[in-house]
Amino acid sequence: MSLFCLVHGSTQSAEGWKLLISELEKRGHLTVTMNLPTNEPQSSATRYADVIVQTLDQTNHDPGDVVVVAHSASGMFLPLVAARRPIGHLVFLAALIPKIGASILDQFKVDPDMFKPEWVGKNPMDDEVARKFLFHDCAPDIVEWALKTRRLMHAKQAMSEICPLKTWPEVSCSSVVCKDERVLSPSWSRRVAKERLGIEPIELDGGHCPYVSRPSALADVLTSAPIIKSHPKTITTEEFRILMKTVADGWNEGNARKAADCYTEDAIYIEPPDKQVYRGRTALYEFFGGDKRPEPPMKMVWHHLAFDEKDQVGFGEYTFQMNNRYHGIVVVKIETGKIKSWREYQYKSGLEWEEFTKNNRF
């Protein structure tokens, strides 16, 4: 599974990603968002990049599976993020692409075709402007919702300063060009993708905000090659520990999707011989609580984890509590980086772990 870090542009808050987040989660991926500063017009682009990096630093995801997607004006922060921490892939989504040795305003003065002429000088907080330029290809009910997500980011200094980078970071990139744009010029976006990134852009129907107008189609693009790399056939012991911790975190947070995404689509979960049998990620999602937080809440603690990297088989000793407390052990088989088989053996007990194991603790 990949972690998508979604960075909003200058006209919407992180709430605008809501529809796309749902689509990415349906495809088994994780997401993280943040709200960039709106009242710091004198801040450098590095300030905005730091906010993004700080958000990523709070995750435990393998950097190679992190995809940072920046929309519109926030494209100027993308390479700064990759210069500060390892990133798997950058996606410029209908976004500005910075040029080393120049500011965004410098680029516009030299190449005014960056933006559609009709857009220049418009106020996106004006409802009619937003309807015409940002959400013109959205269903009426979606437009009304999207209007409520607007939030201006006044990155005046970041737009006028020379790009802080001396060299472009070594990271793979993609550019998504929206063919019916009314903000950025598609022809400019296509040209600079080739000139600065050395890539052919990905073409998508629709206007400037495809995460609002066509989230499913955009999710298909974002979860396909070259943006998403194939998972390795095997994982390391540390990756196994992270995977098992993510399962526990999902249960403890009441986040069934987070836990279920750790399993393969055709996973088997069983308490032998047939006390509990669940087949498939969808069934596991419902078993873990589905759309509602379980009551009483789950509490899962791992005491010991071990992993055989050669056979891709792992073990975990745990305490689980919901209606009752159980101490147990689970054996799991990993395939393509996720849990294919889960086989648990557990003992119901009112004792705390320390008391339960007091005669043979280690």
Protein backbone atom coordinates (compact mmCIF):
# COMPACT_ATOMS: atom_id res chain seq x y z
CA MET A 1 0.00 0.00 0.00
CA SER A 2 1.18 3.52 -0.68
CA LEU A 3 0.79 6.62 1.44
CA PHE A 4 -0.56 9.60 -0.50
CA CYS A 5 0.36 12.96 0.98
CA LEU A 6 -2.18 15.38 -0.53
CA VAL A 7 -1.17 19.05 -0.58
CA HIS A 8 -3.93 21.55 -1.35
CA GLY A 9 -3.43 24.57 -3.59
CA SER A 10 -4.00 28.25 -2.94
CA THR A 11 -7.81 28.27 -3.19
CA GLN A 12 -9.02 25.32 -1.09
CA SER A 13 -8.33 23.75 2.29
CA ALA A 14 -7.43 20.11 2.91
CA GLU A 15 -11.17 19.41 3.13
CA GLY A 16 -11.26 19.63 -0.66
CA TRP A 17 -9.48 16.26 -0.91
CA LYS A 18 -12.38 14.42 0.77
CA LEU A 19 -13.79 12.74 -2.34
CA LEU A 20 -10.38 11.63 -3.61
CA ILE A 21 -9.41 10.26 -0.19
CA SER A 22 -12.44 7.97 -0.28
CA GLU A 23 -11.44 6.66 -3.71
CA LEU A 24 -7.81 6.06 -2.71
CA GLU A 25 -8.87 4.21 0.43
CA LYS A 26 -11.18 1.99 -1.64
CA ARG A 27 -8.08 1.01 -3.61
CA GLY A 28 -6.25 0.00 -0.44
CA HIS A 29 -4.04 3.07 0.09
CA LEU A 30 -3.46 5.45 2.96
CA THR A 31 -3.67 9.24 2.88
CA VAL A 32 -2.46 12.19 4.91
CA THR A 33 -3.29 15.88 4.51
CA MET A 34 -2.44 19.16 6.15
CA ASN A 35 -3.61 22.77 6.03
CA LEU A 36 -0.85 25.08 4.86
CA PRO A 37 -0.49 28.56 6.42
CA THR A 38 -2.97 31.14 5.11
CA ASN A 39 -1.81 34.23 7.00
CA GLU A 40 1.94 34.26 6.36
CA PRO A 41 2.35 36.19 3.08
CA GLN A 42 6.01 36.94 3.87
CA SER A 43 6.99 33.30 4.43
CA SER A 44 9.41 31.61 2.07
CA ALA A 45 8.46 28.53 0.11
CA THR A 46 10.67 26.63 2.53
CA ARG A 47 8.21 27.39 5.32
CA TYR A 48 5.40 25.67 3.43
CA ALA A 49 7.66 22.76 2.54
CA ASP A 50 8.55 22.35 6.21
CA VAL A 51 4.86 22.00 7.13
CA ILE A 52 4.53 19.20 4.58
CA VAL A 53 7.71 17.48 5.79
CA GLN A 54 6.60 17.71 9.43
CA THR A 55 3.33 16.03 8.49
CA LEU A 56 5.18 13.21 6.73
CA ASP A 57 7.61 12.81 9.62
CA GLN A 58 4.69 11.89 11.86
CA THR A 59 3.97 8.82 9.72
CA ASN A 60 5.80 5.49 9.85
CA HIS A 61 5.48 4.69 6.16
CA ASP A 62 8.32 3.40 4.00
CA PRO A 63 9.60 6.54 2.22
CA GLY A 64 9.80 4.62 -1.04
CA ASP A 65 6.03 4.13 -0.97
CA VAL A 66 5.21 7.78 -0.21
CA VAL A 67 3.60 9.75 -3.04
CA VAL A 68 3.28 13.51 -2.56
CA VAL A 69 0.58 15.09 -4.72
CA ALA A 70 0.50 18.88 -4.91
CA HIS A 71 -2.26 20.85 -6.59
CA SER A 72 -1.98 24.16 -8.41
CA ALA A 73 0.26 26.75 -6.67
CA SER A 74 1.61 24.18 -4.22
CA GLY A 75 3.58 22.57 -7.02
CA MET A 76 6.31 25.10 -6.21
CA PHE A 77 6.83 23.36 -2.84
CA LEU A 78 7.16 19.81 -4.16
CA PRO A 79 10.89 19.66 -5.00
CA LEU A 80 11.70 21.39 -1.68
CA VAL A 81 9.97 18.54 0.14
CA ALA A 82 11.97 15.92 -1.75
CA ALA A 83 15.17 17.84 -0.98
CA ARG A 84 14.43 17.52 2.76
CA ARG A 85 13.44 13.86 3.07
CA PRO A 86 13.26 10.70 0.93
CA ILE A 87 10.10 10.52 -1.21
CA GLY A 88 8.98 7.77 -3.55
CA HIS A 89 7.26 9.95 -6.14
CA LEU A 90 6.10 13.52 -6.75
CA VAL A 91 2.92 14.37 -8.64
CA PHE A 92 2.30 17.86 -10.03
CA LEU A 93 -1.51 17.91 -10.29
CA ALA A 94 -2.61 20.79 -12.53
CA ALA A 95 0.28 22.48 -10.79
CA LEU A 96 3.03 25.03 -11.15
CA ILE A 97 6.44 23.52 -11.82
CA PRO A 98 9.23 25.70 -10.39
CA LYS A 99 12.31 26.66 -12.36
CA ILE A 100 15.69 26.81 -10.67
CA GLY A 101 17.11 30.33 -10.89
CA ALA A 102 13.74 32.02 -11.31
CA SER A 103 10.64 32.90 -9.30
CA ILE A 104 7.09 32.00 -10.27
CA LEU A 105 6.42 35.68 -11.03
CA ASP A 106 9.59 35.85 -13.14
CA GLN A 107 8.29 32.93 -15.16
CA PHE A 108 4.93 34.60 -15.67
CA LYS A 109 6.54 37.84 -16.87
CA VAL A 110 8.60 35.96 -19.43
CA ASP A 111 5.88 33.50 -20.34
CA PRO A 112 2.40 34.99 -19.69
CA ASP A 113 0.83 31.95 -21.34
CA MET A 114 1.35 30.08 -18.05
CA PHE A 115 -2.19 31.06 -17.08
CA LYS A 116 -5.38 31.37 -19.03
CA PRO A 117 -5.80 35.12 -19.70
CA GLU A 118 -9.37 35.13 -18.40
CA TRP A 119 -8.20 33.80 -15.02
CA VAL A 120 -5.51 36.40 -14.31
CA GLY A 121 -6.64 38.86 -11.64
CA LYS A 122 -9.77 36.96 -10.67
CA ASN A 123 -10.79 36.43 -7.04
CA PRO A 124 -11.57 32.74 -6.41
CA MET A 125 -13.48 33.65 -3.25
CA ASP A 126 -16.15 35.16 -5.51
CA ASP A 127 -18.73 32.40 -5.95
CA GLU A 128 -19.32 33.04 -9.63
CA VAL A 129 -15.58 33.08 -10.35
CA ALA A 130 -15.14 29.77 -8.54
CA ARG A 131 -18.06 28.23 -10.41
CA LYS A 132 -16.71 29.34 -13.77
CA PHE A 133 -12.99 28.60 -13.36
CA LEU A 134 -12.59 25.98 -10.62
CA PHE A 135 -15.75 23.86 -10.50
CA HIS A 136 -17.31 24.33 -13.94
CA ASP A 137 -17.24 20.56 -14.65
CA CYS A 138 -18.76 19.45 -11.34
CA ALA A 139 -22.28 18.25 -10.58
CA PRO A 140 -24.43 20.99 -8.96
CA ASP A 141 -24.47 19.40 -5.51
CA ILE A 142 -20.70 18.92 -5.62
CA VAL A 143 -20.24 22.57 -6.59
CA GLU A 144 -22.16 23.72 -3.52
CA TRP A 145 -20.03 21.53 -1.29
CA ALA A 146 -16.78 22.56 -2.97
CA LEU A 147 -17.57 26.25 -2.53
CA LYS A 148 -17.52 25.67 1.24
CA THR A 149 -13.98 24.25 1.10
CA ARG A 150 -12.40 27.43 -0.28
CA ARG A 151 -9.55 28.95 1.70
CA LEU A 152 -7.06 31.44 0.30
CA MET A 153 -3.36 30.83 0.81
CA HIS A 154 -1.51 34.14 0.42
CA ALA A 155 1.97 32.84 -0.50
CA LYS A 156 3.16 36.22 -1.78
CA GLN A 157 6.84 35.81 -0.86
CA ALA A 158 6.96 32.23 -2.10
CA MET A 159 5.66 33.36 -5.50
CA SER A 160 8.12 36.24 -5.82
CA GLU A 161 11.32 34.65 -4.47
CA ILE A 162 13.82 32.85 -6.67
CA CYS A 163 13.46 29.09 -6.32
CA PRO A 164 15.60 28.17 -3.25
CA LEU A 165 17.00 25.04 -4.90
CA LYS A 166 20.41 24.88 -6.57
CA THR A 167 19.79 21.44 -8.07
CA TRP A 168 16.68 19.40 -8.62
CA PRO A 169 16.36 16.51 -6.13
CA GLU A 170 16.76 12.95 -7.39
CA VAL A 171 13.17 11.77 -7.30
CA SER A 172 10.76 10.40 -9.88
CA CYS A 173 7.97 12.75 -10.94
CA SER A 174 4.70 12.82 -12.83
CA SER A 175 2.65 15.71 -14.12
CA VAL A 176 -1.12 15.49 -14.56
CA VAL A 177 -2.48 17.96 -17.10
CA CYS A 178 -6.20 18.68 -17.11
CA LYS A 179 -7.34 19.10 -20.71
CA ASP A 180 -10.24 21.45 -19.95
CA GLU A 181 -8.27 23.78 -17.67
CA ARG A 182 -9.48 27.34 -17.14
CA VAL A 183 -6.65 28.36 -14.76
CA LEU A 184 -3.30 27.02 -15.94
CA SER A 185 -2.65 26.72 -19.64
CA PRO A 186 -2.53 23.01 -20.62
CA SER A 187 -0.03 23.79 -23.39
CA TRP A 188 2.32 25.44 -20.86
CA SER A 189 1.94 22.49 -18.47
CA ARG A 190 2.75 19.99 -21.22
CA ARG A 191 5.82 21.93 -22.33
CA VAL A 192 7.40 22.46 -18.91
CA ALA A 193 6.77 18.84 -17.92
CA LYS A 194 9.01 17.84 -20.80
CA GLU A 195 11.55 20.63 -20.33
CA ARG A 196 11.97 20.54 -16.54
CA LEU A 197 10.95 17.04 -15.54
CA GLY A 198 11.93 15.20 -18.70
CA ILE A 199 8.60 13.37 -18.86
CA GLU A 200 5.47 13.12 -20.94
CA PRO A 201 2.55 14.43 -18.87
CA ILE A 202 -0.49 12.34 -18.03
CA GLU A 203 -3.60 13.76 -19.68
CA LEU A 204 -6.90 13.83 -17.77
CA ASP A 205 -10.29 15.12 -18.87
CA GLY A 206 -11.85 17.97 -16.96
CA GLY A 207 -10.92 21.23 -15.32
CA HIS A 208 -8.53 22.53 -12.69
CA CYS A 209 -9.86 20.50 -9.72
CA PRO A 210 -10.23 16.85 -10.82
CA TYR A 211 -10.15 15.63 -7.22
CA VAL A 212 -13.56 17.34 -6.92
CA SER A 213 -15.04 16.78 -10.38
CA ARG A 214 -13.77 13.25 -11.17
CA PRO A 215 -12.15 11.71 -8.08
CA SER A 216 -12.51 8.12 -9.29
CA ALA A 217 -10.75 8.77 -12.59
CA LEU A 218 -7.99 10.68 -10.79
CA ALA A 219 -7.56 7.86 -8.26
CA ASP A 220 -7.13 5.43 -11.15
CA VAL A 221 -4.34 7.61 -12.53
CA LEU A 222 -2.62 8.03 -9.17
CA THR A 223 -2.68 4.30 -8.38
CA SER A 224 -1.24 3.20 -11.72
CA ALA A 225 2.31 3.02 -13.06
CA PRO A 226 4.55 4.95 -13.09
CA ILE A 227 3.22 6.65 -9.94
CA ILE A 228 2.71 3.44 -7.95
CA LYS A 229 5.52 0.93 -8.06
CA SER A 230 4.88 -2.77 -7.57
CA HIS A 231 5.37 -4.05 -4.07
CA PRO A 232 8.42 -6.26 -3.62
CA LYS A 233 7.72 -9.98 -3.39
CA THR A 234 9.26 -10.05 0.06
CA ILE A 235 9.40 -7.70 3.04
CA THR A 236 11.97 -7.21 5.78
CA THR A 237 11.59 -7.83 9.50
CA GLU A 238 11.25 -4.11 10.13
CA GLU A 239 8.56 -3.81 7.47
CA PHE A 240 6.75 -6.75 9.09
CA ARG A 241 6.83 -4.97 12.44
CA ILE A 242 5.40 -1.82 10.85
CA LEU A 243 2.67 -3.86 9.13
CA MET A 244 1.60 -5.57 12.36
CA LYS A 245 1.73 -2.29 14.26
CA THR A 246 -0.54 -0.76 11.63
CA VAL A 247 -3.09 -3.54 12.18
CA ALA A 248 -3.05 -2.86 15.93
CA ASP A 249 -3.21 0.90 15.40
CA GLY A 250 -6.23 0.50 13.15
CA TRP A 251 -8.07 -1.55 15.76
CA ASN A 252 -7.10 0.75 18.61
CA GLU A 253 -8.18 3.85 16.68
CA GLY A 254 -11.47 2.30 15.57
CA ASN A 255 -10.24 2.63 11.98
CA ALA A 256 -11.39 -0.55 10.24
CA ARG A 257 -10.09 0.61 6.85
CA LYS A 258 -6.59 1.17 8.16
CA ALA A 259 -6.46 -2.35 9.61
CA ALA A 260 -8.15 -4.07 6.65
CA ASP A 261 -5.77 -2.44 4.18
CA CYS A 262 -2.95 -4.49 5.73
CA TYR A 263 -4.48 -7.66 4.27
CA THR A 264 -4.52 -8.93 0.68
CA GLU A 265 -7.75 -8.78 -1.28
CA ASP A 266 -8.24 -12.55 -0.81
CA ALA A 267 -6.87 -12.85 2.74
CA ILE A 268 -7.99 -15.62 5.10
CA TYR A 269 -8.43 -14.88 8.83
CA ILE A 270 -9.12 -17.87 11.05
CA GLU A 271 -9.18 -19.08 14.65
CA PRO A 272 -8.78 -22.86 14.20
CA PRO A 273 -10.48 -25.03 13.60
CA ASP A 274 -13.46 -22.88 12.63
CA LYS A 275 -14.33 -20.63 15.55
CA GLN A 276 -13.75 -17.53 13.45
CA VAL A 277 -13.37 -17.65 9.68
CA TYR A 278 -13.31 -14.56 7.46
CA ARG A 279 -12.37 -14.51 3.80
CA GLY A 280 -11.39 -11.42 1.85
CA ARG A 281 -10.54 -7.83 2.73
CA THR A 282 -14.16 -6.69 2.44
CA ALA A 283 -15.31 -9.25 5.03
CA LEU A 284 -12.43 -8.26 7.31
CA TYR A 285 -13.33 -4.59 7.02
CA GLU A 286 -16.83 -5.37 8.31
CA PHE A 287 -15.47 -7.70 11.00
CA PHE A 288 -13.15 -4.95 12.22
CA GLY A 289 -16.08 -2.56 12.65
CA GLY A 290 -16.77 -1.25 9.15
CA ASP A 291 -18.00 2.33 8.99
CA LYS A 292 -18.81 2.43 12.71
CA ARG A 293 -16.37 2.42 15.62
CA PRO A 294 -16.78 -0.84 17.57
CA GLU A 295 -18.34 -0.62 21.04
CA PRO A 296 -16.72 -1.31 23.36
CA PRO A 297 -13.53 -0.17 21.61
CA MET A 298 -10.80 -2.66 20.71
CA LYS A 299 -7.46 -2.66 22.48
CA MET A 300 -4.58 -4.59 20.94
CA VAL A 301 -1.02 -4.81 22.31
CA TRP A 302 1.85 -6.77 20.77
CA HIS A 303 4.27 -8.27 23.29
CA HIS A 304 6.64 -10.04 20.91
CA LEU A 305 6.94 -10.09 17.12
CA ALA A 306 9.23 -12.33 15.05
CA PHE A 307 9.61 -12.80 11.31
CA ASP A 308 11.24 -15.33 8.99
CA GLU A 309 12.26 -13.27 5.97
CA LYS A 310 13.03 -16.32 3.85
CA ASP A 311 9.61 -17.95 4.26
CA GLN A 312 7.73 -14.66 4.78
CA VAL A 313 6.03 -16.11 7.85
CA GLY A 314 5.67 -14.09 11.04
CA PHE A 315 4.54 -14.59 14.62
CA GLY A 316 3.06 -12.28 17.21
CA GLU A 317 2.24 -12.70 20.87
CA TYR A 318 -0.52 -10.35 21.96
CA THR A 319 -3.18 -9.23 24.39
CA PHE A 320 -6.54 -8.27 22.90
CA GLN A 321 -9.44 -6.76 24.79
CA MET A 322 -12.96 -5.84 23.76
CA ASN A 323 -15.85 -7.48 25.60
CA ASN A 324 -13.34 -9.90 27.13
CA ARG A 325 -9.56 -10.08 27.49
CA TYR A 326 -7.58 -12.63 25.47
CA HIS A 327 -3.90 -13.52 25.46
CA GLY A 328 -2.74 -15.30 22.36
CA ILE A 329 -0.42 -15.87 19.47
CA VAL A 330 -0.95 -15.40 15.75
CA VAL A 331 0.91 -16.89 12.79
CA VAL A 332 0.74 -14.93 9.55
CA LYS A 333 1.84 -15.51 5.97
CA ILE A 334 2.89 -12.46 3.97
CA GLU A 335 2.39 -12.10 0.22
CA THR A 336 3.14 -9.01 -1.88
CA GLY A 337 3.80 -7.00 1.26
CA LYS A 338 0.46 -7.74 2.95
CA ILE A 339 -1.10 -10.38 5.20
CA LYS A 340 -2.39 -13.28 3.12
CA SER A 341 -3.18 -15.68 5.98
CA TRP A 342 -3.86 -14.99 9.67
CA ARG A 343 -4.13 -17.93 12.08
CA GLU A 344 -4.66 -17.08 15.74
CA TYR A 345 -4.79 -19.13 18.95
CA GLN A 346 -5.97 -17.37 22.08
CA TYR A 347 -6.89 -17.93 25.72
CA LYS A 348 -9.62 -16.03 27.50
CA SER A 349 -8.40 -14.66 30.84
CA GLY A 350 -9.20 -11.88 33.28
CA LEU A 351 -5.53 -11.64 34.22
CA GLU A 352 -3.25 -8.85 33.06
CA TRP A 353 -0.36 -9.96 30.84
CA GLU A 354 2.24 -9.67 33.60
CA GLU A 355 0.22 -11.89 35.93
CA PHE A 356 -0.72 -14.28 33.11
CA THR A 357 2.95 -14.91 32.26
CA LYS A 358 4.50 -14.50 35.71
CA ASN A 359 5.86 -18.05 35.85
CA ASN A 360 7.74 -17.75 32.58
CA ARG A 361 8.34 -14.12 31.71
CA PHE A 362 10.89 -12.91 29.17
